[in-house]
Amino acid sequence: MGPLEGYKVVEFGSIGPGPMCATMLADMGATVIRLDRTGPSDLGIAKPRRYDLLTRNRHSITLDLKRPEAVEVALRLIESADALIEGFRPGTMERLGLGPEICFRRNPRLAYGRATGWGQDGPLAKTAGHDINYISLAGVLHAIGRKGDKPVPPLNLLGDFGGGGAFLAFGLVCAMLEAKFSGLGQIVDAAMLDGAAYLMMPFYGMHACGVFKTERGANITDTGVYYWEVYECADGKFVSVGPIEKKFRDRFLEIIGLDKAVPPLDAMPDSDARKILEQVFRTKTQAEWGELLEDTDSCFAPVLSVAEAPHHPHNKARRTFMEIDGVMQPAPAPRFSRTRPSRPTPPENPDQNTNLALRDWGFTDQELELLTAKRILKAG
């Protein structure tokens, strides 16, 4: 079920944007098969597969792509796929015998998705890097942080998952739609650098007309004003406020009892107004402020941890999170009124359902037995 039901995707196992893209497509109903690499990961993060949520909703098999027979299995899958996802350095897939030219000969309609940090070309294309580096070069990281302090990396959300995985998913869907008309596939070059820069588009426009300063903490949405800020409560927890529009700010100040302050907070230096709000918010707990502000037009929300967020009444009412195999996790997004995605299946260990997975892609039992006997596949 889902709007992408009927589409088939081959994912070459990687980290970051590749699996995020594959999960987004799988959550929307596409049939995705993940081809995991042999050998241990060098990330230094060991966890049971059931907690690797970016591998949910698909089967996974292990292939040693240094063996020609394994490459042929991959090409056989690619023949009937609508899209391919790979996240290696430029030139790696070509060296494996799985580059675009070979794949297009086997499947001319293929959307060939390539997720990298720097892109497929340019001086840095073949050098190593990670999210923090790509958002640095895009002008993103420099803009995030407190006034007078160093930049603050925002997890690896903006490069890996926003600028990389989400843009690759968008690009692949675009390419698959276009192939319906042209009958031809194409390469989708999704660089985390490019995607992160794209996400900064409005700020580049504001900077060009002089209303966005390059100094951190000096703009409206970077804590440069008292009404776009995080405040500590009496219990040590935090709340966020963001009433940029005056009508919302007036309501916010009225509820917290500062609407008649002399001088008005908007007339004060932001540093002075911030100190007043810091004192006010320390008079109540996070829950008490929530009872007072949360259902008003104050542009308010409690700052919740990943342990707390799934249990907030709004998130529970929206079913924003769901528990699968005992693991709380985000539900598929966005929502559809008619082609609603099915409930995701939990992450599987590689080769857990090898035969089931490959039968769905046209492999016969006789072929599976032969590949298993040659140790190209692991039985599952």
Protein backbone atom coordinates (compact mmCIF):
# COMPACT_ATOMS: atom_id res chain seq x y z
CA MET A 1 0.00 0.00 0.00
CA GLY A 2 1.00 3.60 -0.54
CA PRO A 3 1.40 6.01 -3.48
CA LEU A 4 4.58 4.28 -4.70
CA GLU A 5 3.11 0.77 -4.71
CA GLY A 6 4.33 -1.10 -7.78
CA TYR A 7 7.67 0.70 -7.99
CA LYS A 8 10.81 -1.35 -7.32
CA VAL A 9 14.09 -0.03 -5.94
CA VAL A 10 17.53 -1.60 -5.52
CA GLU A 11 19.47 -0.06 -2.63
CA PHE A 12 23.20 -0.62 -2.29
CA GLY A 13 23.91 -0.59 1.44
CA SER A 14 25.52 2.60 2.70
CA ILE A 15 25.11 5.10 5.53
CA GLY A 16 23.32 8.43 5.87
CA PRO A 17 21.40 9.69 2.82
CA GLY A 18 21.15 6.37 0.97
CA PRO A 19 19.21 4.46 3.62
CA MET A 20 17.15 7.55 4.49
CA CYS A 21 16.09 7.83 0.84
CA ALA A 22 15.36 4.09 0.64
CA THR A 23 13.27 4.21 3.80
CA MET A 24 11.27 7.17 2.52
CA LEU A 25 10.47 5.31 -0.71
CA ALA A 26 9.73 2.04 1.10
CA ASP A 27 7.45 3.78 3.59
CA MET A 28 5.48 5.14 0.64
CA GLY A 29 4.89 1.64 -0.73
CA ALA A 30 7.84 0.99 -3.04
CA THR A 31 9.35 -2.50 -2.96
CA VAL A 32 12.95 -1.98 -1.88
CA ILE A 33 15.65 -4.62 -1.63
CA ARG A 34 18.85 -3.70 0.19
CA LEU A 35 22.15 -5.20 -0.91
CA ASP A 36 24.34 -5.17 2.18
CA ARG A 37 28.09 -5.27 1.99
CA THR A 38 30.09 -8.07 3.55
CA GLY A 39 32.33 -7.27 6.52
CA PRO A 40 31.84 -5.11 9.61
CA SER A 41 30.98 -1.41 9.57
CA ASP A 42 33.80 1.02 10.35
CA LEU A 43 31.53 3.55 12.06
CA GLY A 44 32.28 2.23 15.52
CA ILE A 45 28.58 2.12 16.36
CA ALA A 46 27.36 -1.40 17.11
CA LYS A 47 23.67 -2.03 17.65
CA PRO A 48 21.22 -4.85 16.95
CA ARG A 49 19.59 -4.52 13.53
CA ARG A 50 16.12 -4.01 15.05
CA TYR A 51 17.27 -0.57 16.22
CA ASP A 52 18.66 0.41 12.81
CA LEU A 53 15.42 2.14 11.83
CA LEU A 54 16.74 3.33 8.47
CA THR A 55 16.62 -0.28 7.29
CA ARG A 56 12.95 -0.87 8.12
CA ASN A 57 10.29 -1.90 5.62
CA ARG A 58 12.44 -3.97 3.26
CA HIS A 59 14.32 -7.20 2.83
CA SER A 60 18.10 -7.31 2.83
CA ILE A 61 20.61 -9.71 1.34
CA THR A 62 24.40 -9.80 1.56
CA LEU A 63 26.46 -9.75 -1.62
CA ASP A 64 30.22 -9.72 -2.02
CA LEU A 65 30.36 -7.45 -5.05
CA LYS A 66 34.00 -8.34 -5.65
CA ARG A 67 32.70 -11.64 -7.04
CA PRO A 68 31.40 -11.52 -10.63
CA GLU A 69 28.54 -13.90 -9.80
CA ALA A 70 27.34 -11.50 -7.09
CA VAL A 71 27.53 -8.57 -9.50
CA GLU A 72 25.38 -10.57 -11.91
CA VAL A 73 22.77 -11.07 -9.16
CA ALA A 74 22.72 -7.30 -8.64
CA LEU A 75 22.34 -6.67 -12.37
CA ARG A 76 19.52 -9.18 -12.53
CA LEU A 77 17.70 -7.17 -9.85
CA ILE A 78 18.46 -3.90 -11.62
CA GLU A 79 16.88 -5.23 -14.81
CA SER A 80 13.42 -5.09 -13.24
CA ALA A 81 13.96 -2.06 -10.98
CA ASP A 82 12.58 1.42 -11.44
CA ALA A 83 15.33 3.04 -9.38
CA LEU A 84 18.76 2.37 -7.92
CA ILE A 85 20.34 3.99 -4.85
CA GLU A 86 24.08 4.05 -4.26
CA GLY A 87 26.11 6.13 -1.83
CA PHE A 88 29.73 5.38 -2.65
CA ARG A 89 32.53 7.71 -3.70
CA PRO A 90 32.53 8.61 -7.41
CA GLY A 91 33.96 5.79 -9.50
CA THR A 92 33.28 2.98 -7.02
CA MET A 93 30.23 1.56 -8.81
CA GLU A 94 32.07 1.73 -12.13
CA ARG A 95 34.96 -0.28 -10.67
CA LEU A 96 32.50 -2.88 -9.43
CA GLY A 97 30.99 -3.23 -12.91
CA LEU A 98 27.75 -1.57 -11.83
CA GLY A 99 28.17 1.91 -13.26
CA PRO A 100 25.36 3.75 -15.06
CA GLU A 101 26.44 2.75 -18.56
CA ILE A 102 26.26 -0.97 -17.77
CA CYS A 103 23.03 -0.62 -15.79
CA PHE A 104 21.33 1.39 -18.54
CA ARG A 105 22.19 -1.34 -21.04
CA ARG A 106 20.32 -3.79 -18.83
CA ASN A 107 17.49 -1.36 -17.98
CA PRO A 108 17.15 1.78 -20.15
CA ARG A 109 14.35 3.18 -17.94
CA LEU A 110 16.35 3.10 -14.71
CA ALA A 111 16.52 6.11 -12.39
CA TYR A 112 20.11 5.82 -11.19
CA GLY A 113 20.43 7.64 -7.86
CA ARG A 114 23.85 8.69 -6.59
CA ALA A 115 24.18 10.13 -3.07
CA THR A 116 27.48 11.78 -2.24
CA GLY A 117 28.72 14.63 -0.11
CA TRP A 118 30.49 16.80 -2.66
CA GLY A 119 28.81 15.55 -5.85
CA GLN A 120 30.01 13.51 -8.80
CA ASP A 121 32.44 16.19 -10.02
CA GLY A 122 34.42 19.17 -8.78
CA PRO A 123 37.78 19.45 -7.00
CA LEU A 124 36.55 17.76 -3.81
CA ALA A 125 34.45 15.03 -5.45
CA LYS A 126 36.67 12.10 -4.50
CA THR A 127 37.72 13.24 -1.02
CA ALA A 128 36.23 11.95 2.22
CA GLY A 129 33.84 14.04 4.26
CA HIS A 130 30.72 13.98 6.40
CA ASP A 131 27.60 16.02 7.05
CA ILE A 132 29.43 18.61 9.16
CA ASN A 133 31.83 19.30 6.28
CA TYR A 134 29.18 19.58 3.57
CA ILE A 135 27.00 22.01 5.50
CA SER A 136 30.13 24.03 6.26
CA LEU A 137 30.85 24.56 2.58
CA ALA A 138 27.19 25.34 1.83
CA GLY A 139 27.10 28.32 4.21
CA VAL A 140 24.76 26.51 6.60
CA LEU A 141 26.90 25.75 9.64
CA HIS A 142 28.30 29.28 9.85
CA ALA A 143 24.77 30.61 10.38
CA ILE A 144 23.85 28.34 13.30
CA GLY A 145 24.90 29.33 16.79
CA ARG A 146 24.72 31.92 19.54
CA LYS A 147 25.96 35.47 19.22
CA GLY A 148 29.65 35.66 19.98
CA ASP A 149 30.00 31.87 20.08
CA LYS A 150 31.25 29.29 17.62
CA PRO A 151 28.91 27.53 15.14
CA VAL A 152 26.84 24.64 16.52
CA PRO A 153 26.46 21.49 14.38
CA PRO A 154 22.71 20.63 14.19
CA LEU A 155 23.13 16.85 14.50
CA ASN A 156 23.55 15.39 11.00
CA LEU A 157 20.07 16.38 9.88
CA LEU A 158 20.74 19.05 7.25
CA GLY A 159 23.40 17.30 5.18
CA ASP A 160 22.80 13.56 5.50
CA PHE A 161 19.04 13.45 5.78
CA GLY A 162 17.63 16.78 4.56
CA GLY A 163 20.06 17.87 1.87
CA GLY A 164 20.98 14.30 0.94
CA GLY A 165 18.35 11.62 1.57
CA ALA A 166 15.24 13.75 1.07
CA PHE A 167 16.60 15.40 -2.08
CA LEU A 168 17.65 12.04 -3.51
CA ALA A 169 14.16 10.64 -2.87
CA PHE A 170 12.62 13.68 -4.57
CA GLY A 171 15.02 13.36 -7.49
CA LEU A 172 14.33 9.66 -7.97
CA VAL A 173 10.57 10.17 -7.95
CA CYS A 174 11.01 12.96 -10.52
CA ALA A 175 13.15 10.70 -12.72
CA MET A 176 10.73 7.77 -12.42
CA LEU A 177 7.80 10.00 -13.40
CA GLU A 178 9.72 11.39 -16.39
CA ALA A 179 10.65 7.87 -17.51
CA LYS A 180 6.94 7.07 -17.82
CA PHE A 181 6.80 9.59 -20.69
CA SER A 182 10.24 9.32 -22.28
CA GLY A 183 10.95 5.64 -21.69
CA LEU A 184 14.49 6.65 -20.72
CA GLY A 185 16.32 6.56 -17.43
CA GLN A 186 18.87 9.05 -16.14
CA ILE A 187 21.38 9.70 -13.36
CA VAL A 188 20.24 11.62 -10.29
CA ASP A 189 23.30 13.31 -8.77
CA ALA A 190 22.22 14.20 -5.21
CA ALA A 191 25.05 15.95 -3.39
CA MET A 192 24.56 16.79 0.27
CA LEU A 193 26.41 20.03 -0.40
CA ASP A 194 23.91 21.03 -3.10
CA GLY A 195 20.87 20.02 -1.07
CA ALA A 196 22.04 21.84 2.06
CA ALA A 197 22.71 24.97 -0.01
CA TYR A 198 19.21 24.69 -1.51
CA LEU A 199 17.70 24.58 1.97
CA MET A 200 19.44 27.90 2.67
CA MET A 201 17.80 29.54 -0.35
CA PRO A 202 15.64 32.12 1.50
CA PHE A 203 18.59 33.23 3.63
CA TYR A 204 20.76 33.80 0.56
CA GLY A 205 17.95 35.98 -0.79
CA MET A 206 17.65 37.91 2.46
CA HIS A 207 21.41 38.35 2.62
CA ALA A 208 21.47 39.73 -0.93
CA CYS A 209 18.98 42.45 0.02
CA GLY A 210 20.69 43.25 3.30
CA VAL A 211 18.22 41.85 5.81
CA PHE A 212 20.18 38.77 6.89
CA LYS A 213 23.43 39.33 8.75
CA THR A 214 26.28 36.85 8.58
CA GLU A 215 26.90 37.39 12.31
CA ARG A 216 25.37 34.55 14.32
CA GLY A 217 22.61 35.41 16.76
CA ALA A 218 21.85 38.68 14.99
CA ASN A 219 18.79 37.65 12.95
CA ILE A 220 15.17 36.89 13.77
CA THR A 221 15.27 33.10 13.49
CA ASP A 222 18.72 32.53 15.00
CA THR A 223 17.96 33.86 18.53
CA GLY A 224 18.77 37.42 17.54
CA VAL A 225 15.46 38.56 19.05
CA TYR A 226 13.93 37.82 22.45
CA TYR A 227 10.78 36.33 20.95
CA TRP A 228 12.57 33.57 19.03
CA GLU A 229 14.25 31.83 21.87
CA VAL A 230 14.49 28.88 24.24
CA TYR A 231 13.87 29.57 27.94
CA GLU A 232 14.58 27.51 31.03
CA CYS A 233 11.74 26.71 33.42
CA ALA A 234 11.60 26.21 37.18
CA ASP A 235 12.18 22.46 36.83
CA GLY A 236 15.24 22.81 34.61
CA LYS A 237 13.32 21.89 31.46
CA PHE A 238 12.95 24.22 28.50
CA VAL A 239 10.26 25.83 26.35
CA SER A 240 10.44 27.46 22.93
CA VAL A 241 8.71 30.67 21.86
CA GLY A 242 8.51 32.15 18.38
CA PRO A 243 5.75 34.80 18.03
CA ILE A 244 7.34 36.70 15.14
CA GLU A 245 4.04 38.29 14.04
CA LYS A 246 3.02 41.19 16.29
CA LYS A 247 -0.52 39.88 16.81
CA PHE A 248 0.86 36.62 18.15
CA ARG A 249 3.50 38.40 20.20
CA ASP A 250 0.87 40.66 21.76
CA ARG A 251 -1.14 37.60 22.75
CA PHE A 252 1.95 35.89 24.17
CA LEU A 253 2.91 38.90 26.28
CA GLU A 254 -0.67 39.31 27.47
CA ILE A 255 -0.89 35.72 28.72
CA ILE A 256 2.41 35.86 30.60
CA GLY A 257 1.50 39.26 32.09
CA LEU A 258 3.98 41.48 30.27
CA ASP A 259 1.63 43.23 27.84
CA LYS A 260 1.64 46.39 29.96
CA ALA A 261 5.36 46.40 30.72
CA VAL A 262 6.97 49.85 30.83
CA PRO A 263 8.82 50.29 28.64
CA PRO A 264 7.27 47.71 26.25
CA LEU A 265 9.50 44.73 25.63
CA ASP A 266 9.58 45.49 21.90
CA ALA A 267 11.05 48.90 22.72
CA MET A 268 13.87 47.42 24.79
CA PRO A 269 17.18 46.05 23.56
CA ASP A 270 16.63 42.35 22.93
CA SER A 271 19.21 41.45 25.54
CA ASP A 272 17.21 43.28 28.22
CA ALA A 273 13.88 41.78 27.11
CA ARG A 274 15.47 38.34 27.11
CA LYS A 275 16.62 38.75 30.71
CA ILE A 276 13.08 39.65 31.78
CA LEU A 277 11.65 36.58 30.07
CA GLU A 278 14.35 34.40 31.59
CA GLN A 279 13.18 35.49 35.03
CA VAL A 280 9.50 35.02 34.17
CA PHE A 281 9.88 31.52 32.76
CA ARG A 282 11.81 30.36 35.82
CA THR A 283 8.68 30.99 37.92
CA LYS A 284 6.80 27.95 36.55
CA THR A 285 7.58 24.42 35.43
CA GLN A 286 7.51 23.36 31.81
CA ALA A 287 4.18 21.60 32.36
CA GLU A 288 2.67 24.68 34.02
CA TRP A 289 3.71 26.88 31.12
CA GLY A 290 2.24 24.31 28.75
CA GLU A 291 -1.12 24.48 30.50
CA LEU A 292 -1.06 28.26 30.18
CA LEU A 293 0.26 28.72 26.63
CA GLU A 294 0.07 25.54 24.59
CA ASP A 295 -3.47 25.89 23.19
CA THR A 296 -3.14 29.61 22.40
CA ASP A 297 -1.77 31.59 19.46
CA SER A 298 1.42 32.30 21.38
CA CYS A 299 3.69 30.25 19.10
CA PHE A 300 4.80 28.14 22.04
CA ALA A 301 5.91 24.54 22.57
CA PRO A 302 7.75 22.57 25.23
CA VAL A 303 11.23 21.41 24.27
CA LEU A 304 10.87 17.64 24.40
CA SER A 305 13.50 14.92 24.29
CA VAL A 306 13.28 11.89 22.00
CA ALA A 307 12.04 9.96 25.05
CA GLU A 308 9.29 12.50 25.72
CA ALA A 309 8.08 13.55 22.26
CA PRO A 310 6.12 10.36 21.39
CA HIS A 311 3.98 10.78 24.50
CA HIS A 312 2.84 14.36 23.94
CA PRO A 313 -0.98 14.49 23.50
CA HIS A 314 -0.78 16.12 20.07
CA ASN A 315 1.73 13.58 18.76
CA LYS A 316 -0.40 10.77 20.18
CA ALA A 317 -3.56 12.17 18.56
CA ARG A 318 -1.77 12.54 15.21
CA ARG A 319 -0.07 9.14 15.56
CA THR A 320 3.17 10.87 14.66
CA PHE A 321 5.06 8.03 16.30
CA MET A 322 4.41 4.31 16.37
CA GLU A 323 5.88 1.34 18.17
CA ILE A 324 7.15 -1.45 15.93
CA ASP A 325 8.73 -4.58 17.37
CA GLY A 326 9.01 -2.81 20.72
CA VAL A 327 10.88 0.20 19.27
CA MET A 328 9.25 3.65 19.31
CA GLN A 329 9.89 5.45 16.01
CA PRO A 330 8.46 8.09 13.65
CA ALA A 331 5.52 7.03 11.50
CA PRO A 332 5.68 7.41 7.70
CA ALA A 333 5.27 10.97 6.46
CA PRO A 334 3.67 12.77 4.71
CA ARG A 335 0.07 11.57 4.91
CA PHE A 336 -2.21 10.65 2.00
CA SER A 337 -6.00 10.68 1.98
CA ARG A 338 -6.41 7.72 -0.38
CA THR A 339 -3.20 5.76 -0.95
CA ARG A 340 -2.27 5.39 2.70
CA PRO A 341 1.01 3.56 3.33
CA SER A 342 0.92 0.29 5.23
CA ARG A 343 2.41 -0.04 8.68
CA PRO A 344 6.20 -0.42 8.28
CA THR A 345 7.79 -3.79 8.96
CA PRO A 346 10.70 -3.89 11.43
CA PRO A 347 14.33 -3.92 10.26
CA GLU A 348 15.54 -7.37 9.24
CA ASN A 349 18.95 -8.91 9.64
CA PRO A 350 20.77 -9.33 6.33
CA ASP A 351 19.83 -12.63 4.67
CA GLN A 352 16.94 -13.20 7.08
CA ASN A 353 14.53 -13.66 4.16
CA THR A 354 16.83 -14.15 1.17
CA ASN A 355 14.64 -16.58 -0.73
CA LEU A 356 11.42 -14.66 -0.09
CA ALA A 357 13.06 -11.42 -1.18
CA LEU A 358 14.50 -12.75 -4.42
CA ARG A 359 11.40 -14.69 -5.42
CA ASP A 360 9.60 -11.34 -5.45
CA TRP A 361 12.17 -10.20 -8.01
CA GLY A 362 11.75 -13.19 -10.31
CA PHE A 363 14.40 -15.64 -9.09
CA THR A 364 13.33 -19.30 -9.26
CA ASP A 365 13.86 -21.84 -6.49
CA GLN A 366 16.34 -23.68 -8.72
CA GLU A 367 18.37 -20.50 -9.23
CA LEU A 368 18.33 -19.75 -5.51
CA GLU A 369 19.55 -23.25 -4.68
CA LEU A 370 22.40 -22.94 -7.17
CA LEU A 371 23.46 -19.49 -5.90
CA THR A 372 23.34 -20.74 -2.32
CA ALA A 373 25.40 -23.82 -3.19
CA LYS A 374 28.04 -21.54 -4.77
CA ARG A 375 27.96 -19.37 -1.62
CA ILE A 376 26.94 -16.34 -3.61
CA LEU A 377 23.85 -16.09 -1.39
CA LYS A 378 23.25 -17.07 2.20
CA ALA A 379 20.17 -19.18 2.75
CA GLY A 380 17.35 -17.39 4.51
